[in-house]
N, C-alpha and C. Protein backbone atom coordinates (compact mmCIF):
# COMPACT_ATOMS: atom_id res chain seq x y z
N UNK A 1 -11.21 17.96 -6.29
CA UNK A 1 -12.34 17.13 -6.42
C UNK A 1 -13.01 16.70 -5.09
N UNK A 2 -14.27 16.55 -4.96
CA UNK A 2 -14.81 16.02 -3.81
C UNK A 2 -15.23 14.60 -4.01
N UNK A 3 -15.57 13.83 -2.82
CA UNK A 3 -16.09 12.55 -3.02
C UNK A 3 -17.31 12.39 -3.88
N UNK A 4 -18.13 13.51 -3.65
CA UNK A 4 -19.56 13.39 -4.36
C UNK A 4 -19.23 13.62 -5.86
N UNK A 5 -18.26 14.60 -6.20
CA UNK A 5 -17.96 14.50 -7.64
C UNK A 5 -17.23 13.38 -8.24
N UNK A 6 -16.44 12.67 -7.46
CA UNK A 6 -15.77 11.55 -8.08
C UNK A 6 -16.90 10.40 -8.07
N UNK A 7 -17.74 10.11 -7.08
CA UNK A 7 -18.62 9.10 -7.05
C UNK A 7 -19.67 9.21 -8.30
N UNK A 8 -20.18 10.47 -8.45
CA UNK A 8 -21.08 10.89 -9.32
C UNK A 8 -20.57 10.66 -10.80
N UNK A 9 -19.30 11.14 -11.00
CA UNK A 9 -18.54 10.95 -12.25
C UNK A 9 -18.46 9.47 -12.62
N UNK A 10 -18.04 8.62 -11.72
CA UNK A 10 -17.90 7.29 -11.91
C UNK A 10 -19.20 6.55 -12.18
N UNK A 11 -20.16 7.03 -11.43
CA UNK A 11 -21.52 6.28 -11.58
C UNK A 11 -22.05 6.69 -13.08
N UNK A 12 -21.97 7.91 -13.28
CA UNK A 12 -22.41 8.44 -14.69
C UNK A 12 -21.62 7.70 -15.89
N UNK A 13 -20.33 7.62 -15.75
CA UNK A 13 -19.63 6.96 -16.81
C UNK A 13 -20.05 5.48 -16.94
N UNK A 14 -20.33 4.89 -15.90
CA UNK A 14 -20.70 3.35 -15.89
C UNK A 14 -22.04 3.05 -16.23
N UNK A 15 -23.01 4.00 -16.04
CA UNK A 15 -24.52 3.73 -16.19
C UNK A 15 -24.62 3.35 -17.68
N UNK A 16 -25.40 2.33 -17.84
CA UNK A 16 -25.80 1.78 -19.11
C UNK A 16 -24.63 0.97 -19.77
N UNK A 17 -23.53 0.89 -19.12
CA UNK A 17 -22.23 0.17 -19.79
C UNK A 17 -22.15 -1.14 -19.17
N UNK A 18 -22.33 -1.15 -17.88
CA UNK A 18 -22.26 -2.68 -17.16
C UNK A 18 -23.57 -2.69 -16.19
N UNK A 19 -23.87 -4.00 -15.82
CA UNK A 19 -25.11 -4.19 -15.09
C UNK A 19 -25.04 -3.20 -13.79
N UNK A 20 -26.25 -2.76 -13.34
CA UNK A 20 -26.43 -1.91 -12.04
C UNK A 20 -25.79 -2.56 -10.91
N UNK A 21 -25.89 -3.96 -10.67
CA UNK A 21 -25.06 -4.43 -9.51
C UNK A 21 -23.63 -4.31 -9.44
N UNK A 22 -23.08 -4.31 -10.66
CA UNK A 22 -21.70 -4.16 -10.69
C UNK A 22 -21.37 -2.67 -10.53
N UNK A 23 -22.23 -1.65 -10.91
CA UNK A 23 -21.87 -0.31 -10.72
C UNK A 23 -21.81 -0.10 -9.18
N UNK A 24 -22.92 -0.55 -8.60
CA UNK A 24 -23.05 -0.43 -7.14
C UNK A 24 -21.92 -1.06 -6.24
N UNK A 25 -21.52 -2.21 -6.81
CA UNK A 25 -20.21 -2.96 -6.13
C UNK A 25 -19.10 -2.11 -6.28
N UNK A 26 -18.83 -1.40 -7.45
CA UNK A 26 -17.69 -0.57 -7.63
C UNK A 26 -17.80 0.78 -6.91
N UNK A 27 -18.91 1.24 -6.78
CA UNK A 27 -19.13 2.35 -5.89
C UNK A 27 -18.96 2.22 -4.40
N UNK A 28 -19.51 0.98 -4.07
CA UNK A 28 -19.03 0.59 -2.62
C UNK A 28 -17.46 0.45 -2.51
N UNK A 29 -16.84 -0.20 -3.36
CA UNK A 29 -15.54 -0.30 -3.26
C UNK A 29 -14.70 1.01 -3.09
N UNK A 30 -15.23 1.99 -4.08
CA UNK A 30 -14.34 3.21 -3.91
C UNK A 30 -14.88 3.99 -2.62
N UNK A 31 -15.94 3.96 -2.29
CA UNK A 31 -16.50 4.58 -1.03
C UNK A 31 -15.66 4.01 0.20
N UNK A 32 -15.52 2.70 0.25
CA UNK A 32 -14.74 2.10 1.26
C UNK A 32 -13.28 2.40 1.17
N UNK A 33 -12.82 2.49 0.11
CA UNK A 33 -11.47 2.83 -0.16
C UNK A 33 -11.17 4.28 0.25
N UNK A 34 -11.91 5.17 -0.06
CA UNK A 34 -11.87 6.59 0.40
C UNK A 34 -11.94 6.64 1.85
N UNK A 35 -12.81 5.89 2.53
CA UNK A 35 -13.12 5.86 4.00
C UNK A 35 -11.92 5.32 4.60
N UNK A 36 -11.12 4.26 4.27
CA UNK A 36 -10.11 3.65 4.67
C UNK A 36 -8.84 4.64 4.64
N UNK A 37 -8.71 5.34 3.53
CA UNK A 37 -7.62 6.30 3.35
C UNK A 37 -7.76 7.53 4.19
N UNK A 38 -8.99 7.98 4.36
CA UNK A 38 -9.24 9.16 5.32
C UNK A 38 -9.01 8.75 6.74
N UNK A 39 -9.27 7.40 7.02
CA UNK A 39 -9.13 7.04 8.44
C UNK A 39 -7.53 7.09 8.76
N UNK A 40 -6.79 6.88 7.68
CA UNK A 40 -5.32 6.89 7.84
C UNK A 40 -4.70 8.42 7.88
N UNK A 41 -5.75 9.34 7.80
CA UNK A 41 -5.30 10.71 7.78
C UNK A 41 -4.96 11.46 6.66
N UNK A 42 -5.15 10.76 5.47
CA UNK A 42 -4.99 11.33 4.33
C UNK A 42 -6.15 12.37 3.72
N UNK A 43 -5.87 13.32 3.04
CA UNK A 43 -6.93 14.33 2.74
C UNK A 43 -7.66 13.85 1.53
N UNK A 44 -8.74 14.45 1.24
CA UNK A 44 -9.51 13.96 -0.07
C UNK A 44 -8.76 14.47 -1.14
N UNK A 45 -7.95 15.43 -1.19
CA UNK A 45 -7.43 15.94 -2.41
C UNK A 45 -6.21 14.90 -2.67
N UNK A 46 -5.45 14.46 -1.64
CA UNK A 46 -4.52 13.49 -1.99
C UNK A 46 -5.04 12.23 -2.57
N UNK A 47 -6.23 11.73 -2.04
CA UNK A 47 -6.80 10.50 -2.43
C UNK A 47 -7.20 10.53 -3.86
N UNK A 48 -7.88 11.68 -4.14
CA UNK A 48 -8.41 11.79 -5.45
C UNK A 48 -7.34 12.23 -6.55
N UNK A 49 -6.27 12.75 -6.02
CA UNK A 49 -5.27 12.93 -7.09
C UNK A 49 -4.46 11.61 -7.36
N UNK A 50 -4.57 10.65 -6.29
CA UNK A 50 -3.84 9.39 -6.48
C UNK A 50 -4.91 8.43 -7.42
N UNK A 51 -6.21 8.59 -7.14
CA UNK A 51 -7.15 7.89 -7.98
C UNK A 51 -7.07 8.29 -9.46
N UNK A 52 -7.24 9.63 -9.66
CA UNK A 52 -7.19 10.13 -11.06
C UNK A 52 -8.61 10.24 -11.53
N UNK A 53 -8.82 10.53 -12.86
CA UNK A 53 -10.09 10.68 -13.35
C UNK A 53 -11.04 9.63 -13.29
N UNK A 54 -12.22 9.82 -12.68
CA UNK A 54 -13.19 8.70 -12.60
C UNK A 54 -13.67 8.13 -14.04
N UNK A 55 -13.71 8.95 -15.07
CA UNK A 55 -14.05 8.40 -16.40
C UNK A 55 -12.91 7.32 -16.69
N UNK A 56 -11.61 7.61 -16.50
CA UNK A 56 -10.57 6.63 -16.86
C UNK A 56 -10.80 5.36 -15.98
N UNK A 57 -11.10 5.61 -14.79
CA UNK A 57 -11.46 4.34 -13.81
C UNK A 57 -12.71 3.64 -14.48
N UNK A 58 -13.63 4.35 -14.86
CA UNK A 58 -14.79 3.77 -15.42
C UNK A 58 -14.52 2.89 -16.71
N UNK A 59 -13.59 3.45 -17.55
CA UNK A 59 -13.20 2.88 -18.78
C UNK A 59 -12.53 1.51 -18.43
N UNK A 60 -11.64 1.57 -17.45
CA UNK A 60 -10.85 0.32 -17.05
C UNK A 60 -11.88 -0.85 -16.45
N UNK A 61 -12.79 -0.42 -15.62
CA UNK A 61 -13.98 -1.16 -15.08
C UNK A 61 -14.67 -1.84 -16.25
N UNK A 62 -15.03 -1.06 -17.25
CA UNK A 62 -15.89 -1.55 -18.35
C UNK A 62 -15.06 -2.51 -19.11
N UNK A 63 -13.91 -2.15 -19.45
CA UNK A 63 -13.03 -3.08 -20.24
C UNK A 63 -12.89 -4.40 -19.56
N UNK A 64 -12.68 -4.37 -18.18
CA UNK A 64 -12.55 -5.55 -17.33
C UNK A 64 -13.92 -6.41 -17.40
N UNK A 65 -14.95 -5.66 -17.24
CA UNK A 65 -16.29 -6.21 -17.21
C UNK A 65 -16.47 -6.99 -18.50
N UNK A 66 -16.18 -6.37 -19.75
CA UNK A 66 -16.34 -6.96 -21.04
C UNK A 66 -15.40 -8.22 -21.23
N UNK A 67 -14.18 -8.08 -20.69
CA UNK A 67 -13.32 -9.26 -20.85
C UNK A 67 -13.73 -10.40 -19.99
N UNK A 68 -14.32 -10.21 -18.89
CA UNK A 68 -14.90 -11.07 -17.93
C UNK A 68 -16.07 -11.56 -18.39
N UNK A 69 -16.95 -10.76 -19.11
CA UNK A 69 -18.25 -11.09 -19.49
C UNK A 69 -18.23 -12.40 -20.63
N UNK A 70 -17.12 -12.54 -21.26
CA UNK A 70 -17.01 -13.50 -22.21
C UNK A 70 -16.81 -14.84 -21.53
N UNK A 71 -16.39 -14.93 -20.39
CA UNK A 71 -16.03 -16.13 -19.61
C UNK A 71 -16.81 -16.36 -18.37
N UNK A 72 -18.08 -16.18 -18.45
CA UNK A 72 -18.82 -16.23 -17.17
C UNK A 72 -19.22 -17.74 -16.89
N UNK A 73 -19.42 -17.99 -15.62
CA UNK A 73 -19.69 -19.23 -15.09
C UNK A 73 -21.22 -19.48 -15.04
N UNK A 74 -21.56 -20.67 -14.43
CA UNK A 74 -23.13 -20.98 -14.39
C UNK A 74 -23.82 -19.82 -13.69
N UNK A 75 -23.28 -19.32 -12.62
CA UNK A 75 -24.05 -18.17 -11.83
C UNK A 75 -23.98 -16.89 -12.52
N UNK A 76 -23.41 -16.79 -13.60
CA UNK A 76 -23.31 -15.32 -14.28
C UNK A 76 -22.14 -14.48 -13.86
N UNK A 77 -21.19 -15.14 -13.09
CA UNK A 77 -19.95 -14.38 -12.54
C UNK A 77 -18.78 -15.06 -12.98
N UNK A 78 -17.71 -14.17 -13.35
CA UNK A 78 -16.47 -14.73 -13.73
C UNK A 78 -15.82 -15.24 -12.59
N UNK A 79 -15.13 -16.45 -12.86
CA UNK A 79 -14.51 -17.10 -11.75
C UNK A 79 -13.12 -16.66 -11.48
N UNK A 80 -13.03 -15.41 -11.16
CA UNK A 80 -11.57 -14.72 -10.97
C UNK A 80 -11.49 -14.49 -9.50
N UNK A 81 -10.05 -14.63 -9.12
CA UNK A 81 -9.60 -14.31 -7.84
C UNK A 81 -10.11 -12.91 -7.39
N UNK A 82 -10.63 -12.70 -6.25
CA UNK A 82 -10.84 -11.28 -5.73
C UNK A 82 -12.13 -10.88 -6.20
N UNK A 83 -12.85 -11.42 -6.96
CA UNK A 83 -14.23 -11.06 -7.56
C UNK A 83 -15.42 -11.68 -6.45
N UNK A 84 -16.12 -10.73 -5.79
CA UNK A 84 -17.05 -11.16 -4.94
C UNK A 84 -18.51 -11.12 -5.57
N UNK A 85 -18.59 -10.88 -6.69
CA UNK A 85 -19.93 -10.92 -7.39
C UNK A 85 -20.64 -9.38 -7.18
N UNK A 86 -20.10 -8.52 -6.37
CA UNK A 86 -20.80 -7.37 -6.02
C UNK A 86 -19.68 -6.26 -6.02
N UNK A 87 -18.81 -6.37 -7.05
CA UNK A 87 -17.73 -5.40 -7.04
C UNK A 87 -16.34 -5.75 -6.41
N UNK A 88 -15.46 -4.98 -6.33
CA UNK A 88 -14.11 -5.27 -5.85
C UNK A 88 -14.12 -5.08 -4.25
N UNK A 89 -13.34 -5.89 -3.68
CA UNK A 89 -13.32 -5.96 -2.15
C UNK A 89 -12.09 -5.35 -1.67
N UNK A 90 -11.04 -5.10 -2.53
CA UNK A 90 -9.89 -4.57 -2.07
C UNK A 90 -9.25 -3.67 -3.30
N UNK A 91 -8.40 -2.76 -2.69
CA UNK A 91 -7.76 -1.95 -3.94
C UNK A 91 -6.82 -2.90 -4.66
N UNK A 92 -6.24 -3.82 -3.99
CA UNK A 92 -5.29 -4.67 -4.83
C UNK A 92 -5.91 -5.70 -5.70
N UNK A 93 -7.21 -5.65 -5.75
CA UNK A 93 -7.93 -6.40 -6.84
C UNK A 93 -7.72 -5.93 -8.26
N UNK A 94 -7.01 -4.72 -8.41
CA UNK A 94 -6.71 -4.21 -9.78
C UNK A 94 -5.24 -4.85 -10.10
N UNK A 95 -5.03 -5.90 -9.58
CA UNK A 95 -3.61 -6.52 -10.07
C UNK A 95 -3.87 -7.95 -10.63
N UNK A 96 -2.94 -8.45 -11.25
CA UNK A 96 -3.11 -9.75 -11.98
C UNK A 96 -2.96 -10.83 -10.87
N UNK A 97 -2.97 -12.11 -11.30
CA UNK A 97 -2.74 -13.08 -10.22
C UNK A 97 -1.35 -13.31 -9.62
N UNK A 98 -0.44 -12.57 -10.27
CA UNK A 98 1.04 -12.72 -9.93
C UNK A 98 1.29 -11.39 -9.03
N UNK A 99 0.38 -10.54 -8.84
CA UNK A 99 0.51 -9.35 -7.94
C UNK A 99 1.05 -8.05 -8.84
N UNK A 100 1.09 -8.27 -10.04
CA UNK A 100 1.56 -7.21 -10.84
C UNK A 100 0.44 -6.18 -11.12
N UNK A 101 0.90 -4.92 -11.01
CA UNK A 101 -0.25 -4.03 -11.24
C UNK A 101 -0.71 -3.88 -12.74
N UNK A 102 -2.08 -3.62 -12.92
CA UNK A 102 -2.55 -3.45 -14.21
C UNK A 102 -2.17 -2.18 -14.80
N UNK A 103 -1.59 -2.17 -15.99
CA UNK A 103 -1.34 -0.98 -16.60
C UNK A 103 -2.28 -0.62 -17.69
N UNK A 104 -3.16 0.30 -17.31
CA UNK A 104 -4.35 0.65 -18.18
C UNK A 104 -3.94 1.21 -19.64
N UNK A 105 -2.69 1.84 -19.57
CA UNK A 105 -2.32 2.49 -20.84
C UNK A 105 -2.03 1.59 -21.86
N UNK A 106 -1.25 0.45 -21.48
CA UNK A 106 -0.82 -0.50 -22.50
C UNK A 106 -1.86 -1.72 -22.50
N UNK A 107 -2.82 -1.81 -21.60
CA UNK A 107 -3.74 -2.81 -21.55
C UNK A 107 -2.96 -4.28 -21.36
N UNK A 108 -2.07 -4.22 -20.51
CA UNK A 108 -1.37 -5.61 -20.04
C UNK A 108 -0.82 -5.41 -18.74
N UNK A 109 -0.26 -6.49 -18.28
CA UNK A 109 0.23 -6.27 -16.98
C UNK A 109 1.64 -5.82 -16.98
N UNK A 110 2.12 -5.10 -16.01
CA UNK A 110 3.41 -4.62 -15.98
C UNK A 110 4.34 -5.28 -14.97
N UNK A 111 4.96 -6.29 -15.16
CA UNK A 111 5.80 -6.93 -14.28
C UNK A 111 7.03 -6.41 -13.96
N UNK A 112 7.31 -5.23 -14.71
CA UNK A 112 8.71 -4.59 -14.42
C UNK A 112 9.48 -5.00 -15.52
N UNK A 113 9.21 -5.88 -16.24
CA UNK A 113 10.13 -6.42 -17.40
C UNK A 113 9.33 -5.96 -18.67
N UNK A 114 9.85 -5.08 -19.51
CA UNK A 114 9.29 -4.71 -20.80
C UNK A 114 9.60 -5.76 -21.82
N UNK A 115 8.72 -5.71 -22.86
CA UNK A 115 8.84 -6.55 -23.95
C UNK A 115 10.31 -6.61 -24.54
N UNK A 116 10.99 -5.37 -24.54
CA UNK A 116 12.19 -5.21 -25.25
C UNK A 116 13.18 -5.70 -24.39
N UNK A 117 13.04 -5.77 -22.99
CA UNK A 117 14.08 -6.40 -22.25
C UNK A 117 13.99 -7.88 -22.40
N UNK A 118 12.90 -8.49 -22.83
CA UNK A 118 12.84 -9.87 -23.10
C UNK A 118 13.54 -10.15 -24.50
N UNK A 119 13.45 -9.14 -25.29
CA UNK A 119 13.87 -9.47 -26.73
C UNK A 119 15.42 -9.44 -26.81
N UNK A 120 15.99 -8.43 -25.97
CA UNK A 120 17.35 -8.25 -26.04
C UNK A 120 18.21 -9.59 -25.98
N UNK A 121 17.97 -10.59 -25.17
CA UNK A 121 18.82 -11.78 -25.06
C UNK A 121 18.74 -12.58 -26.45
N UNK A 122 17.50 -12.44 -26.92
CA UNK A 122 17.34 -13.32 -28.21
C UNK A 122 18.03 -12.67 -29.32
N UNK A 123 17.86 -11.29 -29.48
CA UNK A 123 18.65 -10.62 -30.60
C UNK A 123 20.28 -10.83 -30.29
N UNK A 124 20.77 -10.94 -29.05
CA UNK A 124 22.14 -11.13 -28.87
C UNK A 124 22.56 -12.57 -29.34
N UNK A 125 21.75 -13.57 -28.97
CA UNK A 125 22.02 -14.86 -29.30
C UNK A 125 21.89 -14.94 -30.86
N UNK A 126 20.86 -14.48 -31.49
CA UNK A 126 20.89 -14.47 -32.94
C UNK A 126 22.08 -13.81 -33.66
N UNK A 127 22.65 -12.67 -33.07
CA UNK A 127 23.78 -12.01 -33.60
C UNK A 127 25.06 -12.97 -33.49
N UNK A 128 25.20 -13.45 -32.32
CA UNK A 128 26.26 -14.48 -31.96
C UNK A 128 26.22 -15.73 -33.13
N UNK A 129 25.08 -16.22 -33.23
CA UNK A 129 25.01 -17.26 -34.20
C UNK A 129 25.39 -16.67 -35.60
N UNK A 130 24.81 -15.70 -36.06
CA UNK A 130 25.15 -15.20 -37.36
C UNK A 130 26.70 -15.00 -37.44
N UNK A 131 27.29 -14.33 -36.38
CA UNK A 131 28.77 -14.22 -36.39
C UNK A 131 29.61 -15.46 -36.65
N UNK A 132 29.09 -16.48 -36.04
CA UNK A 132 29.74 -17.83 -36.07
C UNK A 132 29.58 -18.50 -37.31
N UNK A 133 28.28 -18.23 -37.99
CA UNK A 133 27.98 -18.69 -39.35
C UNK A 133 29.03 -18.03 -40.36
N UNK A 134 29.02 -16.54 -40.11
CA UNK A 134 29.90 -15.89 -40.88
C UNK A 134 31.27 -16.31 -41.06
N UNK A 135 31.85 -16.59 -39.73
CA UNK A 135 33.24 -17.04 -39.75
C UNK A 135 33.48 -18.51 -40.27
N UNK A 136 32.43 -19.38 -40.09
CA UNK A 136 32.51 -20.62 -40.72
C UNK A 136 32.39 -20.64 -42.21
N UNK A 137 31.55 -19.71 -42.74
CA UNK A 137 31.46 -19.75 -44.15
C UNK A 137 32.72 -19.12 -44.75
N UNK A 138 33.29 -18.23 -43.98
CA UNK A 138 34.60 -17.56 -44.52
C UNK A 138 35.71 -18.76 -44.58
N UNK A 139 35.71 -19.53 -43.51
CA UNK A 139 36.77 -20.61 -43.64
C UNK A 139 36.35 -21.48 -44.68
N UNK A 140 35.10 -21.86 -44.74
CA UNK A 140 34.70 -22.81 -45.93
C UNK A 140 35.09 -22.20 -47.27
N UNK A 141 34.75 -21.00 -47.48
CA UNK A 141 35.20 -20.29 -48.73
C UNK A 141 36.60 -20.36 -48.92
N UNK A 142 37.37 -20.05 -48.01
CA UNK A 142 38.88 -20.07 -48.05
C UNK A 142 39.39 -21.53 -48.28
N UNK A 143 38.79 -22.48 -47.73
CA UNK A 143 39.24 -23.99 -47.97
C UNK A 143 38.93 -24.29 -49.43
N UNK A 144 37.62 -23.93 -49.91
CA UNK A 144 37.34 -24.34 -51.27
C UNK A 144 38.21 -23.56 -52.19
N UNK A 145 38.43 -22.25 -52.01
CA UNK A 145 39.26 -21.56 -52.98
C UNK A 145 40.71 -22.14 -52.92
N UNK A 146 41.25 -22.58 -51.92
CA UNK A 146 42.47 -23.07 -51.80
C UNK A 146 42.54 -24.42 -52.67
N UNK A 147 41.39 -25.34 -52.52
CA UNK A 147 41.45 -26.51 -53.15
C UNK A 147 41.23 -26.41 -54.56
N UNK A 148 40.61 -25.42 -55.09
CA UNK A 148 40.42 -25.11 -56.57
C UNK A 148 41.43 -24.38 -57.10
N UNK A 149 42.47 -23.91 -56.38
CA UNK A 149 43.55 -23.17 -56.90
C UNK A 149 44.60 -24.12 -57.53
N UNK A 150 44.98 -23.81 -58.66
CA UNK A 150 46.02 -24.57 -59.47
C UNK A 150 47.37 -24.65 -58.73
N UNK A 151 47.68 -23.41 -58.09
CA UNK A 151 48.89 -23.35 -57.52
C UNK A 151 49.03 -24.39 -56.21
N UNK A 152 47.84 -24.65 -55.49
CA UNK A 152 47.91 -25.56 -54.55
C UNK A 152 48.10 -27.01 -54.99
N UNK A 153 47.57 -27.40 -56.26
CA UNK A 153 47.76 -28.69 -56.73
C UNK A 153 49.21 -28.77 -57.17
N UNK A 154 49.94 -27.80 -57.64
CA UNK A 154 51.18 -27.97 -58.12
C UNK A 154 52.06 -28.12 -56.90
N UNK A 155 51.87 -27.48 -55.78
CA UNK A 155 52.59 -27.66 -54.62
C UNK A 155 52.41 -29.14 -54.06
N UNK A 156 51.12 -29.61 -54.01
CA UNK A 156 50.74 -30.94 -53.63
C UNK A 156 51.55 -31.98 -54.40
N UNK A 157 51.53 -31.79 -55.70
CA UNK A 157 52.24 -32.67 -56.64
C UNK A 157 53.65 -32.54 -56.47
N UNK A 158 54.28 -31.48 -56.17
CA UNK A 158 55.69 -31.28 -55.92
C UNK A 158 55.94 -32.02 -54.70
N UNK A 159 55.21 -31.82 -53.59
CA UNK A 159 55.54 -32.60 -52.39
C UNK A 159 55.39 -34.13 -52.53
N UNK A 160 54.45 -34.56 -53.28
CA UNK A 160 54.40 -35.96 -53.50
C UNK A 160 55.66 -36.56 -54.24
N UNK A 161 56.05 -35.78 -55.20
CA UNK A 161 57.30 -36.16 -56.09
C UNK A 161 58.56 -36.15 -55.09
N UNK A 162 58.68 -35.06 -54.45
CA UNK A 162 59.86 -35.07 -53.45
C UNK A 162 59.86 -36.16 -52.42
N UNK A 163 58.51 -36.60 -51.85
CA UNK A 163 58.45 -37.51 -50.88
C UNK A 163 58.87 -38.88 -51.51
N UNK A 164 58.48 -39.21 -52.92
CA UNK A 164 58.64 -40.21 -53.52
C UNK A 164 60.21 -40.42 -53.85
N UNK A 165 60.78 -39.23 -54.19
CA UNK A 165 62.30 -39.23 -54.55
C UNK A 165 63.15 -39.40 -53.28
N UNK A 166 62.59 -38.89 -52.12
CA UNK A 166 63.45 -39.02 -50.94
C UNK A 166 63.40 -40.44 -50.38
N UNK A 167 62.43 -41.28 -50.76
CA UNK A 167 62.18 -42.54 -50.33
C UNK A 167 63.15 -43.49 -51.16
N UNK A 168 63.22 -43.13 -52.34
CA UNK A 168 64.11 -43.92 -53.26
C UNK A 168 65.56 -43.93 -52.96
N UNK A 169 66.01 -42.99 -52.36
CA UNK A 169 67.41 -42.76 -52.08
C UNK A 169 67.84 -43.43 -50.90
């Protein structure tokens, strides 16, 4: 893929979906990014293989614009960090406020901790509590069954009688 193909594909996918000034801001951003990376000695092929399909990038830009569009300030711009009103200013602007990269596949930030990693301690604590309750209910059941047993009362009565008789002597 060439720069022209990438930029044309991005522009085509964004046209009619977001305002023209947003399209131009994003086109400027990607042109600047490509220039910076080429100045570092990287080839166009490397850069575009890293960036990926311009239609997927456009979809992410549109989703970001739509989510931002619902919280516009008085100037018509979202009050988010890194937003300059004319597109993105840095490649890192595709990160959330904590610096976590945006995961476009799951549409949430990826801080390195997956939801199931957060759920494991909760499940372990719940299992421990269930085990403790199971043991306590077993002890309680055993206690109740002993107290309701006629043999227990015969033994208690025998001990009381023996204690009484041993004191009389």
